[in-house]
N, C-alpha and C. Protein backbone atom coordinates (compact mmCIF):
# COMPACT_ATOMS: atom_id res chain seq x y z
N MET A 1 21.25 -144.20 -12.24
CA MET A 1 21.64 -144.54 -13.25
C MET A 1 21.14 -144.72 -14.38
N ARG A 2 19.63 -144.93 -13.99
CA ARG A 2 19.33 -145.38 -15.33
C ARG A 2 18.72 -143.99 -16.32
N THR A 3 18.33 -142.45 -15.30
CA THR A 3 18.11 -141.75 -15.84
C THR A 3 19.82 -140.94 -16.57
N ALA A 4 21.11 -141.73 -16.45
CA ALA A 4 22.32 -141.27 -17.06
C ALA A 4 22.01 -142.09 -18.57
N TRP A 5 21.35 -143.25 -17.98
CA TRP A 5 21.71 -143.56 -19.52
C TRP A 5 20.65 -143.05 -20.46
N LEU A 6 19.66 -143.20 -20.05
CA LEU A 6 18.72 -142.31 -20.73
C LEU A 6 19.13 -141.09 -21.40
N ALA A 7 19.91 -140.29 -20.98
CA ALA A 7 20.46 -139.33 -20.81
C ALA A 7 21.00 -139.32 -22.43
N THR A 8 22.18 -140.56 -21.53
CA THR A 8 23.63 -140.51 -22.71
C THR A 8 23.20 -141.06 -24.18
N CYS A 9 21.48 -141.77 -23.95
CA CYS A 9 20.84 -142.46 -25.34
C CYS A 9 20.37 -141.58 -26.23
N VAL A 10 20.19 -140.58 -25.54
CA VAL A 10 19.29 -139.30 -26.35
C VAL A 10 19.77 -138.77 -26.54
N ALA A 11 21.37 -137.79 -25.64
CA ALA A 11 22.43 -137.34 -26.53
C ALA A 11 22.96 -138.00 -28.34
N ALA A 12 22.83 -139.53 -28.23
CA ALA A 12 23.34 -140.30 -28.75
C ALA A 12 22.47 -139.97 -30.61
N TRP A 13 20.82 -140.18 -29.88
CA TRP A 13 20.32 -139.96 -30.92
C TRP A 13 20.18 -138.69 -31.70
N CYS A 14 20.50 -138.22 -30.57
CA CYS A 14 20.42 -136.68 -32.04
C CYS A 14 21.41 -136.16 -32.13
N ALA A 15 22.60 -136.70 -31.62
CA ALA A 15 23.92 -136.45 -32.78
C ALA A 15 23.80 -136.52 -34.13
N SER A 16 23.30 -138.78 -33.64
CA SER A 16 22.79 -139.60 -35.38
C SER A 16 22.05 -138.01 -36.14
N CYS A 17 21.20 -138.08 -35.85
CA CYS A 17 20.16 -137.14 -36.96
C CYS A 17 21.18 -136.03 -37.59
N SER A 18 21.94 -135.31 -36.95
CA SER A 18 22.92 -133.83 -37.41
C SER A 18 23.86 -134.47 -38.89
N THR A 19 24.55 -135.59 -37.95
CA THR A 19 25.59 -135.91 -39.20
C THR A 19 25.57 -137.58 -39.72
N SER A 20 24.66 -137.98 -40.24
CA SER A 20 23.89 -139.15 -40.55
C SER A 20 24.13 -139.04 -42.07
N GLU A 21 23.78 -140.13 -42.70
CA GLU A 21 23.86 -140.15 -44.22
C GLU A 21 22.71 -140.01 -44.59
N PRO A 22 22.16 -139.75 -45.93
CA PRO A 22 20.10 -139.94 -45.56
C PRO A 22 19.95 -141.59 -46.17
N TRP A 23 18.63 -141.82 -45.75
CA TRP A 23 18.13 -143.35 -45.31
C TRP A 23 18.17 -143.35 -46.62
N SER A 24 18.21 -145.62 -46.67
CA SER A 24 18.10 -146.22 -48.32
C SER A 24 16.90 -146.96 -47.48
N ARG A 25 15.76 -147.15 -48.58
CA ARG A 25 14.82 -148.07 -47.89
C ARG A 25 15.58 -149.88 -48.90
N VAL A 26 14.93 -150.11 -47.63
CA VAL A 26 15.08 -151.65 -48.06
C VAL A 26 13.92 -152.07 -49.58
N ASP A 27 13.82 -152.45 -50.68
CA ASP A 27 12.67 -152.86 -51.34
C ASP A 27 12.62 -154.49 -50.86
N PHE A 28 11.46 -154.49 -50.18
CA PHE A 28 11.37 -155.96 -50.23
C PHE A 28 11.14 -157.18 -51.04
N SER A 29 10.63 -156.03 -52.45
CA SER A 29 9.80 -157.31 -53.18
C SER A 29 11.06 -157.73 -54.54
N ARG A 30 12.11 -156.62 -54.01
CA ARG A 30 13.35 -157.19 -55.08
C ARG A 30 14.71 -158.01 -53.72
N SER A 31 14.28 -157.86 -52.17
CA SER A 31 15.30 -158.19 -51.68
C SER A 31 15.36 -159.46 -50.69
N PHE A 32 14.07 -159.16 -50.42
CA PHE A 32 13.65 -160.00 -49.15
C PHE A 32 13.75 -161.84 -49.58
N VAL A 33 14.86 -162.62 -49.31
CA VAL A 33 14.84 -164.09 -49.48
C VAL A 33 13.90 -165.00 -48.05
N PRO A 34 13.02 -166.05 -48.56
CA PRO A 34 12.27 -166.44 -47.66
C PRO A 34 13.39 -167.92 -47.61
N PHE A 35 13.18 -168.13 -45.52
CA PHE A 35 14.60 -168.71 -45.62
C PHE A 35 13.16 -170.17 -45.20
N GLN A 36 14.04 -171.45 -45.12
CA GLN A 36 12.95 -172.71 -44.74
C GLN A 36 14.32 -172.90 -43.77
N PHE A 37 12.69 -172.47 -43.18
CA PHE A 37 13.45 -173.02 -41.37
C PHE A 37 12.52 -174.49 -41.12
N GLY A 38 11.39 -174.89 -42.09
CA GLY A 38 10.76 -175.95 -41.43
C GLY A 38 9.25 -175.46 -41.33
N GLY A 39 8.14 -175.56 -41.43
CA GLY A 39 6.97 -175.39 -41.07
C GLY A 39 6.56 -173.66 -41.27
N ASP A 40 7.37 -173.71 -42.37
CA ASP A 40 7.46 -171.87 -42.52
C ASP A 40 5.49 -171.54 -43.11
N GLY A 41 5.51 -170.33 -42.51
CA GLY A 41 4.19 -169.54 -42.70
C GLY A 41 4.77 -169.50 -44.06
N SER A 42 3.63 -168.76 -44.77
CA SER A 42 3.74 -168.03 -45.77
C SER A 42 4.01 -166.45 -45.83
N HIS A 43 4.37 -165.50 -47.20
CA HIS A 43 4.62 -164.45 -46.99
C HIS A 43 4.15 -163.64 -48.28
N ARG A 44 3.69 -161.87 -47.70
CA ARG A 44 3.60 -161.64 -48.75
C ARG A 44 3.87 -160.04 -48.59
N VAL A 45 4.54 -159.22 -50.03
CA VAL A 45 5.22 -158.27 -49.81
C VAL A 45 3.37 -156.75 -51.16
N VAL A 46 3.51 -156.23 -50.14
CA VAL A 46 3.08 -154.90 -50.53
C VAL A 46 3.68 -153.74 -50.59
N GLN A 47 4.13 -153.28 -52.24
CA GLN A 47 4.54 -152.10 -51.57
C GLN A 47 6.04 -152.62 -50.88
N ASN A 48 5.68 -150.69 -49.46
CA ASN A 48 6.90 -151.22 -48.88
C ASN A 48 6.82 -151.80 -47.62
N GLU A 49 5.66 -152.82 -47.42
CA GLU A 49 4.99 -153.66 -46.50
C GLU A 49 5.51 -155.16 -46.68
N LEU A 50 6.13 -155.84 -45.67
CA LEU A 50 5.49 -157.47 -45.47
C LEU A 50 5.02 -158.27 -44.41
N VAL A 51 4.20 -158.80 -44.95
CA VAL A 51 3.46 -159.84 -44.16
C VAL A 51 3.66 -160.89 -43.70
N LEU A 52 4.45 -161.37 -42.91
CA LEU A 52 4.32 -162.85 -42.69
C LEU A 52 3.57 -163.69 -41.94
N GLU A 53 2.86 -164.95 -42.57
CA GLU A 53 1.95 -165.11 -41.45
C GLU A 53 2.56 -166.21 -40.37
N PRO A 54 1.73 -167.12 -39.54
CA PRO A 54 2.57 -167.60 -38.85
C PRO A 54 3.73 -168.76 -39.14
N GLY A 55 3.53 -169.11 -38.51
CA GLY A 55 5.16 -171.00 -38.92
C GLY A 55 4.86 -171.98 -37.69
N SER A 56 5.40 -172.42 -37.91
CA SER A 56 5.05 -173.79 -36.89
C SER A 56 6.57 -174.03 -36.96
N PRO A 57 7.69 -173.11 -35.82
CA PRO A 57 7.41 -172.06 -35.59
C PRO A 57 7.48 -170.39 -35.83
N LEU A 58 8.54 -170.75 -36.96
CA LEU A 58 9.17 -169.28 -37.21
C LEU A 58 8.55 -169.41 -39.05
N THR A 59 8.40 -167.87 -38.99
CA THR A 59 8.22 -167.80 -40.29
C THR A 59 9.40 -166.42 -40.82
N GLY A 60 10.01 -166.48 -42.07
CA GLY A 60 10.78 -165.39 -42.17
C GLY A 60 11.82 -165.76 -43.62
N GLY A 61 13.02 -164.59 -43.47
CA GLY A 61 13.90 -165.20 -44.59
C GLY A 61 14.75 -163.40 -44.05
N THR A 62 15.87 -163.36 -45.37
CA THR A 62 16.75 -162.42 -45.28
C THR A 62 16.91 -161.41 -46.02
N PHE A 63 17.65 -160.05 -45.66
CA PHE A 63 17.22 -159.09 -47.10
C PHE A 63 18.39 -159.07 -48.12
N ASP A 64 18.68 -158.80 -49.15
CA ASP A 64 19.67 -158.95 -50.21
C ASP A 64 20.31 -157.57 -49.69
N VAL A 65 20.51 -157.33 -48.76
CA VAL A 65 20.95 -155.58 -48.50
C VAL A 65 22.58 -155.75 -47.36
N LYS A 66 23.84 -155.26 -47.84
CA LYS A 66 24.90 -155.31 -47.10
C LYS A 66 24.99 -154.39 -46.27
N LEU A 67 25.08 -154.64 -45.26
CA LEU A 67 24.82 -153.58 -44.18
C LEU A 67 25.87 -153.63 -44.01
N PRO A 68 26.49 -152.07 -43.57
CA PRO A 68 28.09 -152.44 -42.79
C PRO A 68 28.28 -153.05 -41.56
N LYS A 69 29.14 -153.38 -40.69
CA LYS A 69 29.06 -154.02 -39.20
C LYS A 69 28.76 -153.07 -37.89
N ASP A 70 29.05 -151.48 -38.09
CA ASP A 70 29.42 -151.12 -37.43
C ASP A 70 28.70 -149.62 -38.20
N ARG A 71 29.13 -148.63 -37.53
CA ARG A 71 28.19 -147.17 -37.14
C ARG A 71 27.15 -147.15 -38.56
N TYR A 72 25.81 -147.70 -38.09
CA TYR A 72 24.90 -147.23 -39.22
C TYR A 72 23.45 -147.89 -37.89
N GLU A 73 22.65 -147.68 -38.41
CA GLU A 73 21.37 -147.10 -38.35
C GLU A 73 20.09 -147.99 -38.74
N VAL A 74 19.51 -148.83 -38.28
CA VAL A 74 18.38 -149.44 -39.30
C VAL A 74 17.28 -149.37 -38.32
N ALA A 75 16.29 -148.67 -38.92
CA ALA A 75 14.71 -147.90 -38.96
C ALA A 75 13.71 -149.15 -39.42
N PHE A 76 12.24 -148.45 -38.69
CA PHE A 76 11.39 -149.64 -40.03
C PHE A 76 10.14 -149.61 -38.54
N GLU A 77 8.85 -149.74 -39.29
CA GLU A 77 7.80 -149.59 -38.17
C GLU A 77 7.15 -151.38 -38.30
N THR A 78 6.84 -151.93 -37.27
CA THR A 78 6.55 -152.81 -36.72
C THR A 78 4.98 -153.46 -36.08
N GLU A 79 4.37 -154.27 -36.20
CA GLU A 79 3.29 -155.08 -35.36
C GLU A 79 3.14 -156.21 -35.25
N ARG A 80 2.35 -156.84 -34.60
CA ARG A 80 2.00 -157.97 -34.66
C ARG A 80 0.15 -158.09 -34.73
N LEU A 81 0.02 -158.60 -35.58
CA LEU A 81 -1.62 -158.45 -36.25
C LEU A 81 -2.10 -159.69 -35.39
N SER A 82 -1.73 -160.68 -35.30
CA SER A 82 -2.33 -162.37 -34.72
C SER A 82 -1.33 -162.65 -33.65
N GLY A 83 -2.19 -163.62 -32.52
CA GLY A 83 -1.07 -163.87 -31.76
C GLY A 83 -0.69 -163.26 -30.71
N ILE A 84 0.51 -163.83 -30.20
CA ILE A 84 0.14 -164.01 -28.70
C ILE A 84 2.08 -163.69 -28.28
N ASP A 85 2.92 -164.00 -29.28
CA ASP A 85 4.71 -164.64 -29.06
C ASP A 85 5.24 -163.27 -30.37
N PHE A 86 6.89 -163.71 -30.33
CA PHE A 86 7.25 -162.48 -30.47
C PHE A 86 6.42 -162.69 -32.44
N PHE A 87 6.59 -160.84 -32.48
CA PHE A 87 6.52 -160.41 -34.44
C PHE A 87 7.84 -159.57 -34.81
N CYS A 88 9.22 -159.70 -33.90
CA CYS A 88 9.52 -158.64 -34.40
C CYS A 88 11.23 -159.84 -34.39
N GLY A 89 11.99 -160.78 -34.93
CA GLY A 89 13.42 -160.87 -34.54
C GLY A 89 14.24 -160.18 -35.82
N LEU A 90 14.71 -159.12 -35.71
CA LEU A 90 15.65 -158.32 -36.53
C LEU A 90 16.91 -158.88 -36.71
N THR A 91 17.70 -159.77 -37.05
CA THR A 91 18.74 -160.20 -37.08
C THR A 91 19.59 -159.01 -38.05
N PHE A 92 20.55 -158.40 -36.78
CA PHE A 92 21.91 -157.30 -38.12
C PHE A 92 23.14 -158.03 -36.91
N PRO A 93 24.16 -156.93 -37.55
CA PRO A 93 25.49 -157.31 -37.67
C PRO A 93 26.28 -156.16 -36.70
N THR A 94 27.42 -157.12 -36.08
CA THR A 94 27.96 -155.54 -35.26
C THR A 94 29.18 -155.94 -35.22
N PRO A 95 29.98 -155.29 -34.72
CA PRO A 95 31.63 -155.32 -35.02
C PRO A 95 31.65 -157.23 -34.37
N HIS A 96 31.08 -157.05 -33.32
CA HIS A 96 30.93 -158.34 -32.55
C HIS A 96 30.60 -160.00 -32.78
N GLY A 97 29.58 -159.86 -33.80
CA GLY A 97 28.96 -160.71 -34.35
C GLY A 97 27.63 -160.15 -34.49
N GLU A 98 26.68 -160.70 -34.77
CA GLU A 98 25.18 -160.64 -35.18
C GLU A 98 24.32 -161.11 -34.16
N LEU A 99 23.35 -160.50 -34.19
CA LEU A 99 22.50 -159.86 -32.66
C LEU A 99 21.17 -159.86 -33.62
N THR A 100 19.85 -160.33 -32.54
CA THR A 100 18.70 -160.28 -33.03
C THR A 100 18.11 -159.72 -31.87
N LEU A 101 17.31 -158.73 -31.99
CA LEU A 101 16.04 -157.77 -31.61
C LEU A 101 15.06 -158.38 -31.57
N VAL A 102 14.54 -158.90 -30.34
CA VAL A 102 13.10 -159.97 -30.14
C VAL A 102 12.18 -158.79 -29.33
N LEU A 103 11.20 -158.85 -29.91
CA LEU A 103 10.32 -157.74 -29.30
C LEU A 103 8.95 -158.82 -29.08
N GLY A 104 8.52 -159.14 -27.80
CA GLY A 104 7.04 -159.67 -27.13
C GLY A 104 7.04 -161.13 -27.10
N GLY A 105 8.64 -161.68 -26.97
CA GLY A 105 8.61 -163.11 -27.00
C GLY A 105 8.08 -164.37 -25.39
N TRP A 106 8.73 -164.80 -25.68
CA TRP A 106 8.30 -165.96 -24.45
C TRP A 106 6.84 -165.53 -23.90
N GLY A 107 5.88 -165.72 -25.00
CA GLY A 107 4.75 -165.39 -24.65
C GLY A 107 4.39 -163.86 -24.68
N GLY A 108 4.54 -163.19 -24.93
CA GLY A 108 4.28 -161.63 -25.45
C GLY A 108 5.21 -160.60 -24.76
N THR A 109 5.87 -160.82 -23.57
CA THR A 109 6.45 -159.67 -23.09
C THR A 109 8.03 -159.51 -23.25
N VAL A 110 8.65 -160.19 -23.17
CA VAL A 110 9.80 -160.30 -23.63
C VAL A 110 10.45 -159.92 -24.44
N CYS A 111 11.19 -158.89 -23.89
CA CYS A 111 12.13 -158.16 -24.64
C CYS A 111 14.00 -158.04 -24.97
N GLY A 112 14.68 -157.79 -25.89
CA GLY A 112 15.55 -158.25 -25.52
C GLY A 112 16.82 -158.27 -27.05
N LEU A 113 18.15 -158.61 -26.61
CA LEU A 113 18.77 -159.30 -27.90
C LEU A 113 19.33 -160.44 -27.24
N SER A 114 19.32 -161.20 -28.72
CA SER A 114 19.48 -162.59 -28.72
C SER A 114 21.19 -162.75 -29.41
N SER A 115 21.98 -163.19 -29.63
CA SER A 115 22.36 -163.52 -27.55
C SER A 115 23.82 -162.69 -27.09
N ILE A 116 23.64 -162.52 -25.93
CA ILE A 116 25.23 -161.77 -25.16
C ILE A 116 25.76 -163.29 -25.28
N ASP A 117 26.99 -163.43 -25.05
CA ASP A 117 27.77 -164.35 -24.63
C ASP A 117 27.28 -166.03 -24.07
N GLY A 118 26.58 -165.90 -25.56
CA GLY A 118 25.48 -167.30 -25.09
C GLY A 118 23.85 -167.32 -24.17
N ALA A 119 23.76 -166.13 -24.07
CA ALA A 119 22.55 -166.28 -23.79
C ALA A 119 22.01 -165.21 -23.84
N ASP A 120 20.90 -165.17 -24.68
CA ASP A 120 19.49 -165.20 -25.04
C ASP A 120 18.69 -163.80 -24.80
N ALA A 121 17.79 -163.36 -24.68
CA ALA A 121 17.02 -162.17 -24.87
C ALA A 121 16.44 -162.22 -23.26
N SER A 122 15.89 -163.67 -22.93
CA SER A 122 15.10 -163.91 -22.28
C SER A 122 16.22 -163.69 -20.68
N GLU A 123 17.14 -163.90 -20.42
CA GLU A 123 18.88 -164.72 -19.90
C GLU A 123 19.55 -163.80 -19.61
N ASN A 124 19.84 -162.60 -20.68
CA ASN A 124 20.95 -161.52 -20.38
C ASN A 124 20.62 -160.25 -19.96
N ALA A 125 21.47 -158.89 -19.67
CA ALA A 125 21.25 -157.61 -19.41
C ALA A 125 20.35 -156.94 -20.32
N THR A 126 20.07 -157.56 -21.02
CA THR A 126 19.06 -156.14 -22.40
C THR A 126 17.91 -156.75 -22.15
N ARG A 127 16.95 -158.18 -21.24
CA ARG A 127 15.95 -158.28 -21.17
C ARG A 127 15.18 -157.30 -20.31
N THR A 128 13.93 -157.20 -21.45
CA THR A 128 12.89 -155.78 -21.13
C THR A 128 11.54 -156.31 -21.57
N LEU A 129 10.82 -155.69 -20.23
CA LEU A 129 9.34 -156.69 -20.57
C LEU A 129 7.98 -155.32 -20.61
N ARG A 130 7.87 -155.48 -21.85
CA ARG A 130 6.75 -154.66 -22.65
C ARG A 130 6.06 -155.45 -23.12
N HIS A 131 4.27 -155.34 -22.95
CA HIS A 131 3.34 -155.49 -23.18
C HIS A 131 3.67 -154.62 -25.13
N PHE A 132 3.08 -155.35 -25.67
CA PHE A 132 2.28 -155.10 -27.36
C PHE A 132 0.89 -154.99 -27.27
N GLU A 133 0.06 -154.33 -27.97
CA GLU A 133 -1.31 -154.47 -27.90
C GLU A 133 -1.24 -155.28 -29.59
N ASN A 134 -1.80 -156.02 -29.80
CA ASN A 134 -1.60 -156.66 -31.71
C ASN A 134 -2.10 -155.43 -32.03
N GLY A 135 -2.41 -155.01 -33.29
CA GLY A 135 -2.68 -153.79 -34.43
C GLY A 135 -1.65 -152.63 -34.32
N THR A 136 -1.43 -152.52 -32.94
CA THR A 136 -0.40 -151.05 -32.83
C THR A 136 0.60 -150.92 -33.34
N LEU A 137 1.08 -150.41 -34.64
CA LEU A 137 1.92 -149.96 -35.41
C LEU A 137 3.37 -149.23 -34.41
N ARG A 138 4.65 -150.19 -34.48
CA ARG A 138 5.47 -149.32 -33.69
C ARG A 138 6.87 -148.68 -34.49
N ALA A 139 7.01 -148.30 -33.47
CA ALA A 139 8.35 -147.60 -34.78
C ALA A 139 9.93 -148.04 -34.19
N VAL A 140 10.92 -148.45 -34.71
CA VAL A 140 11.82 -148.96 -34.18
C VAL A 140 12.88 -148.51 -34.72
N ARG A 141 14.11 -148.47 -33.87
CA ARG A 141 15.20 -148.01 -34.45
C ARG A 141 16.67 -148.35 -33.43
N ILE A 142 17.40 -148.79 -34.62
CA ILE A 142 18.68 -149.75 -34.25
C ILE A 142 19.28 -149.01 -34.24
N ARG A 143 20.21 -148.63 -33.35
CA ARG A 143 21.65 -147.90 -33.90
C ARG A 143 23.04 -148.70 -32.97
N VAL A 144 23.73 -149.15 -33.80
CA VAL A 144 25.45 -149.85 -34.02
C VAL A 144 26.60 -148.69 -33.99
N SER A 145 26.79 -148.56 -33.39
CA SER A 145 27.77 -148.10 -32.67
C SER A 145 29.00 -148.44 -31.90
N GLY A 146 30.75 -148.91 -32.64
CA GLY A 146 31.28 -149.30 -31.94
C GLY A 146 31.01 -150.44 -30.80
N ASP A 147 31.45 -150.25 -29.94
CA ASP A 147 30.56 -151.43 -29.07
C ASP A 147 29.13 -151.03 -28.68
N ASP A 148 28.76 -150.10 -28.88
CA ASP A 148 27.49 -149.94 -28.31
C ASP A 148 26.63 -150.33 -29.26
N VAL A 149 25.05 -151.01 -28.84
CA VAL A 149 23.89 -150.91 -29.17
C VAL A 149 22.89 -150.33 -28.80
N GLN A 150 22.68 -149.58 -29.12
CA GLN A 150 20.74 -148.88 -29.08
C GLN A 150 19.73 -149.01 -29.44
N VAL A 151 19.08 -149.37 -29.07
CA VAL A 151 17.31 -149.78 -29.21
C VAL A 151 16.41 -148.58 -28.44
N PHE A 152 15.64 -148.28 -29.74
CA PHE A 152 14.60 -147.02 -29.40
C PHE A 152 13.17 -147.77 -30.18
N VAL A 153 11.84 -147.70 -29.54
CA VAL A 153 10.77 -147.66 -29.53
C VAL A 153 9.62 -147.02 -29.52
N ASP A 154 9.10 -146.35 -30.36
CA ASP A 154 8.25 -144.75 -30.73
C ASP A 154 9.45 -143.49 -30.40
N ASN A 155 10.79 -143.95 -30.53
CA ASN A 155 10.98 -142.56 -30.55
C ASN A 155 11.78 -142.10 -28.55
N GLU A 156 11.55 -143.25 -28.69
CA GLU A 156 12.41 -143.42 -27.35
C GLU A 156 12.82 -144.34 -26.71
N PRO A 157 14.49 -143.87 -25.18
CA PRO A 157 15.66 -145.17 -25.72
C PRO A 157 14.51 -146.40 -24.84
N PHE A 158 15.06 -147.79 -25.04
CA PHE A 158 14.12 -149.09 -24.83
C PHE A 158 14.95 -149.70 -24.17
N LEU A 159 16.15 -150.22 -24.57
CA LEU A 159 17.10 -151.19 -24.52
C LEU A 159 18.76 -150.22 -25.44
N ALA A 160 19.78 -151.28 -24.19
CA ALA A 160 20.86 -150.96 -25.25
C ALA A 160 21.75 -151.79 -24.18
N ALA A 161 23.26 -152.19 -25.31
CA ALA A 161 24.12 -153.28 -24.68
C ALA A 161 24.94 -152.80 -25.13
N ASP A 162 26.34 -152.80 -24.22
CA ASP A 162 27.64 -152.67 -24.07
C ASP A 162 28.25 -154.10 -24.79
N LEU A 163 28.92 -154.41 -26.01
CA LEU A 163 29.74 -155.40 -26.23
C LEU A 163 30.81 -154.99 -26.27
N ARG A 164 31.89 -154.76 -25.58
CA ARG A 164 33.08 -154.42 -25.04
C ARG A 164 33.51 -155.77 -24.35
N GLY A 165 34.63 -156.95 -25.08
CA GLY A 165 34.70 -158.07 -23.89
C GLY A 165 33.50 -158.68 -23.99
N ARG A 166 32.40 -158.97 -25.02
CA ARG A 166 31.40 -159.56 -25.49
C ARG A 166 31.36 -160.81 -25.97
N GLN A 167 30.59 -161.70 -26.46
CA GLN A 167 30.43 -162.30 -27.82
C GLN A 167 29.62 -162.23 -28.28
N ALA A 168 29.11 -161.66 -29.57
CA ALA A 168 27.52 -161.61 -30.46
C ALA A 168 27.38 -162.63 -30.98
N ASN A 169 25.76 -163.08 -30.85
CA ASN A 169 25.74 -164.36 -32.09
C ASN A 169 23.82 -164.15 -31.57
N VAL A 170 23.77 -165.43 -32.19
CA VAL A 170 22.33 -165.17 -33.05
C VAL A 170 21.61 -167.34 -32.50
N ARG A 171 20.63 -167.11 -32.01
CA ARG A 171 19.95 -168.82 -31.59
C ARG A 171 20.32 -169.70 -32.90
N ALA A 172 20.35 -170.93 -32.24
CA ALA A 172 20.65 -171.62 -33.16
C ALA A 172 19.23 -172.01 -34.50
N GLU A 173 18.34 -171.47 -34.11
CA GLU A 173 17.03 -171.76 -35.07
C GLU A 173 16.90 -170.25 -35.70
N VAL A 174 17.60 -168.87 -35.75
CA VAL A 174 17.34 -168.08 -36.28
C VAL A 174 18.82 -168.06 -37.45
N GLU A 175 19.46 -168.96 -36.61
CA GLU A 175 20.85 -168.71 -38.16
C GLU A 175 20.85 -168.30 -38.88
N PRO A 176 19.72 -168.96 -40.27
CA PRO A 176 19.35 -168.64 -41.37
C PRO A 176 19.15 -167.20 -41.73
N CYS A 177 18.50 -166.31 -41.10
CA CYS A 177 18.22 -164.91 -40.93
C CYS A 177 19.77 -163.84 -41.23
N ARG A 178 21.23 -164.45 -40.53
CA ARG A 178 21.75 -164.01 -40.62
C ARG A 178 22.15 -163.49 -42.22
N PRO A 179 23.22 -162.48 -42.74
CA PRO A 179 23.52 -161.74 -41.77
C PRO A 179 22.16 -160.45 -41.16
N PHE A 180 21.18 -160.17 -42.06
CA PHE A 180 20.44 -159.18 -41.97
C PHE A 180 18.78 -159.89 -42.25
N GLY A 181 18.17 -159.74 -41.03
CA GLY A 181 16.40 -160.93 -42.04
C GLY A 181 15.77 -160.54 -40.29
N PHE A 182 15.02 -161.19 -40.95
CA PHE A 182 13.53 -161.02 -40.43
C PHE A 182 12.48 -162.01 -40.05
N CYS A 183 12.27 -162.47 -38.67
CA CYS A 183 11.38 -164.02 -38.68
C CYS A 183 10.23 -163.43 -37.03
N CYS A 184 9.06 -164.23 -37.29
CA CYS A 184 8.73 -164.14 -35.96
C CYS A 184 8.37 -165.15 -35.76
N TYR A 185 7.46 -165.15 -33.98
CA TYR A 185 7.58 -166.99 -34.40
C TYR A 185 5.48 -166.98 -33.75
N LEU A 186 5.47 -168.17 -34.90
CA LEU A 186 3.68 -168.44 -34.17
C LEU A 186 2.63 -166.97 -34.48
N VAL A 187 3.16 -166.58 -34.89
CA VAL A 187 2.27 -164.80 -35.19
C VAL A 187 2.21 -164.42 -36.38
N THR A 188 1.23 -163.99 -36.82
CA THR A 188 0.90 -162.82 -38.15
C THR A 188 2.09 -161.40 -37.98
N ALA A 189 2.86 -161.20 -38.84
CA ALA A 189 3.78 -160.22 -38.44
C ALA A 189 3.64 -159.37 -39.68
N ARG A 190 3.55 -157.55 -39.03
CA ARG A 190 3.85 -156.83 -40.42
C ARG A 190 5.30 -155.89 -40.22
N LEU A 191 5.96 -156.22 -41.36
CA LEU A 191 7.12 -155.24 -41.18
C LEU A 191 7.12 -153.96 -42.31
N VAL A 192 7.12 -152.88 -42.06
CA VAL A 192 6.52 -151.53 -43.09
C VAL A 192 8.31 -150.67 -43.01
N ASN A 193 8.12 -150.13 -44.07
CA ASN A 193 9.95 -149.07 -44.02
C ASN A 193 11.19 -149.45 -44.12
N LEU A 194 11.31 -150.52 -44.29
CA LEU A 194 12.31 -150.72 -43.75
C LEU A 194 13.97 -150.00 -43.97
N ARG A 195 14.73 -149.22 -43.59
CA ARG A 195 15.38 -148.65 -44.31
C ARG A 195 17.04 -148.59 -43.23
N TRP A 196 17.80 -148.28 -43.80
CA TRP A 196 19.22 -148.15 -42.92
C TRP A 196 19.72 -146.76 -43.42
N ARG A 197 21.17 -146.42 -42.43
CA ARG A 197 21.66 -145.25 -43.33
C ARG A 197 23.64 -145.67 -42.27
N ARG A 198 24.28 -144.92 -42.88
CA ARG A 198 25.31 -144.76 -41.79
C ARG A 198 25.26 -143.76 -41.15
N LEU A 199 25.70 -144.07 -40.20
CA LEU A 199 26.37 -142.29 -39.33
C LEU A 199 27.73 -142.10 -39.13
């Protein structure tokens, strides 16, 4: 079953590479708008890098970029510089509503999409366990196509969701990141080279 899923993901990945539009890079210095979660940490922008310092508990914001709701990809590199919780909470639109990709949450290893039918990443079928070492940059790509959401980490299929008949939403605490934003939880996080393209 998993072998078939991986084959489908790889086929979709290869097809998208040959038929997609050029990438558009997000300029953090112009587009990042920090949000007031309450207890926010500081942030700094250096060229195409965004660094978020630990908040109590969240630090993050939105990007002043209008993504399509369907048939597009987002790619970036990210890492946890210090701390033990989620360093990537990227919120993005789908035809069914927004979702948040969480990497390294719930004490450091839980990954997934929050939320599907009200169940967050730790409770729904996208839940995946992965240990991420601090100080190691990870390449991430999110592909939204119709009812399907696929996530690749370091150029390998990582998780996927079929949203047919499902409701996509975000946890209440990350509402300020809708429709396209990024946050981290009690950690120092680095986001590099955020870009998107239509499929």
